[in-house]
């Protein structure tokens, strides 16, 4: 009986050791997963930032070209309006004054 009790106690102690080891391994694995996830995230962000920096000059050049095209277009419109005003400005002013005065 004494031997049986001793065996039960030893088995219980062994089970606790196994459980403790499994719990420690679980915690270690969770920490490792967390570190790995953070490492992957950091590497991804570093690559993304590098891509952004690499593409920045291309994007700036494209934006500058678009701006120049629009600026040219608006300058052409301004010139066209100036020409129209030079041709018809007095007539427009007379029409506006007559409409305001009520003639």
N, C-alpha and C. Protein backbone atom coordinates (compact mmCIF):
# COMPACT_ATOMS: atom_id res chain seq x y z
N UNK A 1 0.82 -1.18 0.00
CA UNK A 1 0.00 0.00 0.00
C UNK A 1 0.87 1.25 0.00
N UNK A 2 1.91 1.20 0.79
CA UNK A 2 2.83 2.32 0.89
C UNK A 2 3.52 2.57 -0.45
N UNK A 3 3.88 1.48 -1.12
CA UNK A 3 4.51 1.60 -2.44
C UNK A 3 3.54 2.19 -3.46
N UNK A 4 2.29 1.78 -3.36
CA UNK A 4 1.29 2.28 -4.29
C UNK A 4 1.07 3.79 -4.08
N UNK A 5 1.02 4.20 -2.84
CA UNK A 5 0.87 5.62 -2.53
C UNK A 5 2.08 6.40 -3.02
N UNK A 6 3.24 5.82 -2.83
CA UNK A 6 4.48 6.46 -3.30
C UNK A 6 4.45 6.59 -4.83
N UNK A 7 3.98 5.58 -5.54
CA UNK A 7 3.90 5.61 -6.99
C UNK A 7 2.91 6.68 -7.46
N UNK A 8 1.79 6.79 -6.76
CA UNK A 8 0.78 7.80 -7.11
C UNK A 8 1.38 9.20 -6.95
N UNK A 9 2.09 9.41 -5.86
CA UNK A 9 2.71 10.70 -5.60
C UNK A 9 3.77 11.00 -6.67
N UNK A 10 4.56 9.99 -7.03
CA UNK A 10 5.58 10.17 -8.06
C UNK A 10 4.93 10.47 -9.42
N UNK A 11 3.85 9.77 -9.73
CA UNK A 11 3.15 10.01 -10.99
C UNK A 11 2.55 11.42 -11.01
N UNK A 12 2.02 11.83 -9.88
CA UNK A 12 1.46 13.17 -9.79
C UNK A 12 2.55 14.22 -9.98
N UNK A 13 3.69 14.00 -9.34
CA UNK A 13 4.82 14.93 -9.48
C UNK A 13 5.30 14.97 -10.93
N UNK A 14 5.38 13.81 -11.55
CA UNK A 14 5.80 13.73 -12.95
C UNK A 14 4.79 14.45 -13.85
N UNK A 15 3.51 14.28 -13.59
CA UNK A 15 2.46 14.95 -14.37
C UNK A 15 2.57 16.46 -14.20
N UNK A 16 2.84 16.92 -13.00
CA UNK A 16 3.01 18.35 -12.76
C UNK A 16 4.22 18.89 -13.52
N UNK A 17 5.29 18.14 -13.51
CA UNK A 17 6.50 18.56 -14.24
C UNK A 17 6.19 18.67 -15.74
N UNK A 18 5.48 17.68 -16.26
CA UNK A 18 5.12 17.69 -17.69
C UNK A 18 4.21 18.87 -17.99
N UNK A 19 3.23 19.10 -17.12
CA UNK A 19 2.30 20.23 -17.31
C UNK A 19 3.05 21.55 -17.23
N UNK A 20 3.94 21.69 -16.25
CA UNK A 20 4.72 22.92 -16.12
C UNK A 20 5.61 23.14 -17.35
N UNK A 21 6.23 22.07 -17.83
CA UNK A 21 7.08 22.18 -19.01
C UNK A 21 6.24 22.58 -20.23
N UNK A 22 5.07 21.99 -20.36
CA UNK A 22 4.20 22.32 -21.49
C UNK A 22 3.74 23.77 -21.40
N UNK A 23 3.41 24.22 -20.19
CA UNK A 23 2.98 25.61 -20.00
C UNK A 23 4.12 26.58 -20.34
N UNK A 24 5.34 26.23 -19.89
CA UNK A 24 6.50 27.08 -20.19
C UNK A 24 6.75 27.10 -21.69
N UNK A 25 6.64 25.94 -22.33
CA UNK A 25 6.84 25.88 -23.78
C UNK A 25 5.77 26.71 -24.51
N UNK A 26 4.53 26.67 -24.02
CA UNK A 26 3.45 27.45 -24.62
C UNK A 26 3.77 28.94 -24.51
N UNK A 27 4.22 29.39 -23.35
CA UNK A 27 4.55 30.81 -23.14
C UNK A 27 5.72 31.20 -24.04
N UNK A 28 6.75 30.34 -24.09
CA UNK A 28 7.90 30.63 -24.94
C UNK A 28 7.50 30.70 -26.41
N UNK A 29 6.64 29.81 -26.84
CA UNK A 29 6.17 29.79 -28.23
C UNK A 29 5.37 31.06 -28.53
N UNK A 30 4.51 31.47 -27.61
CA UNK A 30 3.74 32.70 -27.81
C UNK A 30 4.67 33.92 -27.92
N UNK A 31 5.69 33.96 -27.10
CA UNK A 31 6.67 35.06 -27.17
C UNK A 31 7.40 35.04 -28.51
N UNK A 32 7.79 33.85 -28.94
CA UNK A 32 8.51 33.72 -30.21
C UNK A 32 7.61 34.14 -31.38
N UNK A 33 6.35 33.75 -31.34
CA UNK A 33 5.40 34.14 -32.38
C UNK A 33 5.25 35.66 -32.39
N UNK A 34 5.15 36.25 -31.22
CA UNK A 34 5.02 37.70 -31.13
C UNK A 34 6.25 38.40 -31.70
N UNK A 35 7.45 37.90 -31.35
CA UNK A 35 8.68 38.49 -31.89
C UNK A 35 8.75 38.33 -33.41
N UNK A 36 8.38 37.15 -33.89
CA UNK A 36 8.41 36.90 -35.32
C UNK A 36 7.42 37.81 -36.06
N UNK A 37 6.22 37.96 -35.50
CA UNK A 37 5.22 38.83 -36.10
C UNK A 37 5.73 40.27 -36.16
N UNK A 38 6.34 40.74 -35.08
CA UNK A 38 6.88 42.11 -35.05
C UNK A 38 8.03 42.26 -36.06
N UNK A 39 8.87 41.24 -36.16
CA UNK A 39 9.97 41.28 -37.12
C UNK A 39 9.44 41.34 -38.56
N UNK A 40 8.45 40.52 -38.86
CA UNK A 40 7.85 40.52 -40.21
C UNK A 40 7.22 41.89 -40.49
N UNK A 41 6.52 42.43 -39.51
CA UNK A 41 5.90 43.75 -39.67
C UNK A 41 6.96 44.82 -39.94
N UNK A 42 8.04 44.80 -39.18
CA UNK A 42 9.10 45.80 -39.36
C UNK A 42 9.77 45.67 -40.74
N UNK A 43 10.00 44.43 -41.17
CA UNK A 43 10.61 44.24 -42.49
C UNK A 43 9.67 44.71 -43.59
N UNK A 44 8.38 44.43 -43.44
CA UNK A 44 7.40 44.87 -44.43
C UNK A 44 7.36 46.40 -44.49
N UNK A 45 7.32 47.05 -43.34
CA UNK A 45 7.30 48.51 -43.31
C UNK A 45 8.57 49.09 -43.91
N UNK A 46 9.70 48.48 -43.64
CA UNK A 46 10.96 48.97 -44.20
C UNK A 46 10.94 48.86 -45.73
N UNK A 47 10.45 47.74 -46.26
CA UNK A 47 10.36 47.59 -47.71
C UNK A 47 9.37 48.59 -48.30
N UNK A 48 8.25 48.80 -47.62
CA UNK A 48 7.25 49.75 -48.11
C UNK A 48 7.83 51.16 -48.13
N UNK A 49 8.53 51.54 -47.08
CA UNK A 49 9.14 52.87 -47.04
C UNK A 49 10.19 53.02 -48.14
N UNK A 50 10.95 51.98 -48.37
CA UNK A 50 11.97 52.02 -49.44
C UNK A 50 11.30 52.19 -50.80
N UNK A 51 10.18 51.48 -51.00
CA UNK A 51 9.44 51.61 -52.26
C UNK A 51 8.90 53.01 -52.44
N UNK A 52 8.38 53.58 -51.36
CA UNK A 52 7.85 54.94 -51.43
C UNK A 52 8.96 55.91 -51.80
N UNK A 53 10.10 55.78 -51.17
CA UNK A 53 11.23 56.67 -51.47
C UNK A 53 11.73 56.47 -52.90
N UNK A 54 11.72 55.24 -53.35
CA UNK A 54 12.16 54.95 -54.72
C UNK A 54 11.21 55.58 -55.74
N UNK A 55 9.91 55.53 -55.45
CA UNK A 55 8.91 56.03 -56.39
C UNK A 55 8.66 57.53 -56.25
N UNK A 56 9.15 58.14 -55.18
CA UNK A 56 8.90 59.56 -54.95
C UNK A 56 9.33 60.44 -56.14
N UNK A 57 10.54 60.28 -56.68
CA UNK A 57 10.92 61.13 -57.81
C UNK A 57 10.01 60.95 -59.03
N UNK A 58 9.61 59.72 -59.29
CA UNK A 58 8.72 59.46 -60.42
C UNK A 58 7.37 60.14 -60.22
N UNK A 59 6.84 60.02 -59.00
CA UNK A 59 5.55 60.64 -58.70
C UNK A 59 5.64 62.16 -58.76
N UNK A 60 6.75 62.70 -58.26
CA UNK A 60 6.92 64.15 -58.31
C UNK A 60 7.04 64.63 -59.75
N UNK A 61 7.76 63.89 -60.57
CA UNK A 61 7.90 64.27 -61.98
C UNK A 61 6.54 64.22 -62.68
N UNK A 62 5.77 63.19 -62.41
CA UNK A 62 4.44 63.07 -63.03
C UNK A 62 3.54 64.21 -62.57
N UNK A 63 3.60 64.54 -61.28
CA UNK A 63 2.77 65.63 -60.76
C UNK A 63 3.21 66.96 -61.37
N UNK A 64 4.50 67.16 -61.51
CA UNK A 64 5.02 68.39 -62.10
C UNK A 64 4.57 68.51 -63.56
N UNK A 65 4.62 67.41 -64.29
CA UNK A 65 4.20 67.43 -65.69
C UNK A 65 2.71 67.75 -65.79
N UNK A 66 1.91 67.13 -64.93
CA UNK A 66 0.47 67.41 -64.92
C UNK A 66 0.23 68.87 -64.60
N UNK A 67 0.97 69.40 -63.62
CA UNK A 67 0.83 70.81 -63.27
C UNK A 67 1.19 71.71 -64.44
N UNK A 68 2.25 71.39 -65.14
CA UNK A 68 2.67 72.21 -66.28
C UNK A 68 1.61 72.21 -67.38
N UNK A 69 1.03 71.04 -67.64
CA UNK A 69 -0.02 70.95 -68.66
C UNK A 69 -1.21 71.82 -68.26
N UNK A 70 -1.64 71.70 -67.00
CA UNK A 70 -2.77 72.50 -66.54
C UNK A 70 -2.43 73.98 -66.54
N UNK A 71 -1.22 74.32 -66.12
CA UNK A 71 -0.80 75.71 -66.10
C UNK A 71 -0.81 76.29 -67.53
N UNK A 72 -0.31 75.53 -68.48
CA UNK A 72 -0.32 75.96 -69.88
C UNK A 72 -1.75 76.19 -70.35
N UNK A 73 -2.63 75.25 -70.00
CA UNK A 73 -4.04 75.35 -70.39
C UNK A 73 -4.66 76.63 -69.80
N UNK A 74 -4.41 76.89 -68.54
CA UNK A 74 -5.00 78.07 -67.90
C UNK A 74 -4.40 79.37 -68.44
N UNK A 75 -3.12 79.36 -68.76
CA UNK A 75 -2.52 80.54 -69.38
C UNK A 75 -3.16 80.82 -70.75
N UNK A 76 -3.43 79.75 -71.48
CA UNK A 76 -4.09 79.91 -72.78
C UNK A 76 -5.49 80.49 -72.59
N UNK A 77 -6.21 80.03 -71.57
CA UNK A 77 -7.54 80.58 -71.29
C UNK A 77 -7.46 82.05 -70.91
N UNK A 78 -6.47 82.40 -70.08
CA UNK A 78 -6.30 83.79 -69.68
C UNK A 78 -6.03 84.66 -70.90
N UNK A 79 -5.17 84.21 -71.77
CA UNK A 79 -4.88 84.96 -72.99
C UNK A 79 -6.13 85.12 -73.85
N UNK A 80 -6.89 84.05 -73.95
CA UNK A 80 -8.12 84.09 -74.74
C UNK A 80 -9.11 85.10 -74.14
N UNK A 81 -9.26 85.08 -72.82
CA UNK A 81 -10.16 86.03 -72.17
C UNK A 81 -9.66 87.46 -72.32
N UNK A 82 -8.34 87.65 -72.22
CA UNK A 82 -7.78 88.99 -72.41
C UNK A 82 -8.07 89.50 -73.82
N UNK A 83 -7.93 88.62 -74.81
CA UNK A 83 -8.22 89.02 -76.19
C UNK A 83 -9.70 89.36 -76.37
N UNK A 84 -10.56 88.54 -75.77
CA UNK A 84 -11.99 88.81 -75.88
C UNK A 84 -12.34 90.12 -75.19
N UNK A 85 -11.69 90.37 -74.05
CA UNK A 85 -11.95 91.63 -73.35
C UNK A 85 -11.44 92.82 -74.17
N UNK A 86 -10.29 92.64 -74.76
CA UNK A 86 -9.75 93.73 -75.59
C UNK A 86 -10.69 94.04 -76.75
N UNK A 87 -11.30 93.00 -77.30
CA UNK A 87 -12.20 93.19 -78.44
C UNK A 87 -13.58 93.70 -78.01
N UNK A 88 -14.10 93.15 -76.91
CA UNK A 88 -15.50 93.44 -76.57
C UNK A 88 -15.67 94.05 -75.19
N UNK A 89 -14.59 94.42 -74.52
CA UNK A 89 -14.68 94.90 -73.14
C UNK A 89 -15.56 96.11 -72.97
N UNK A 90 -15.42 97.10 -73.84
CA UNK A 90 -16.23 98.31 -73.73
C UNK A 90 -17.71 97.99 -73.92
N UNK A 91 -17.99 97.11 -74.85
CA UNK A 91 -19.38 96.71 -75.10
C UNK A 91 -19.96 96.03 -73.86
N UNK A 92 -19.16 95.14 -73.22
CA UNK A 92 -19.62 94.44 -72.01
C UNK A 92 -19.89 95.44 -70.89
N UNK A 93 -18.98 96.39 -70.72
CA UNK A 93 -19.14 97.39 -69.66
C UNK A 93 -20.40 98.21 -69.92
N UNK A 94 -20.60 98.66 -71.16
CA UNK A 94 -21.80 99.44 -71.50
C UNK A 94 -23.07 98.63 -71.22
N UNK A 95 -23.07 97.35 -71.60
CA UNK A 95 -24.24 96.50 -71.37
C UNK A 95 -24.51 96.35 -69.88
N UNK A 96 -23.47 96.11 -69.10
CA UNK A 96 -23.64 95.94 -67.65
C UNK A 96 -24.17 97.24 -67.03
N UNK A 97 -23.62 98.39 -67.42
CA UNK A 97 -24.06 99.68 -66.87
C UNK A 97 -25.52 99.93 -67.23
N UNK A 98 -25.91 99.68 -68.47
CA UNK A 98 -27.30 99.86 -68.87
C UNK A 98 -28.24 98.96 -68.09
N UNK A 99 -27.82 97.71 -67.86
CA UNK A 99 -28.67 96.78 -67.10
C UNK A 99 -28.80 97.22 -65.64
N UNK A 100 -27.74 97.77 -65.07
CA UNK A 100 -27.77 98.21 -63.69
C UNK A 100 -28.64 99.47 -63.56
N UNK A 101 -28.46 100.37 -64.50
CA UNK A 101 -29.20 101.63 -64.46
C UNK A 101 -30.67 101.39 -64.83
N UNK A 102 -30.89 100.40 -65.64
CA UNK A 102 -32.26 100.06 -66.01
C UNK A 102 -32.70 100.67 -67.32
N UNK A 103 -31.83 100.90 -68.21
CA UNK A 103 -32.18 101.49 -69.51
C UNK A 103 -32.53 100.42 -70.50
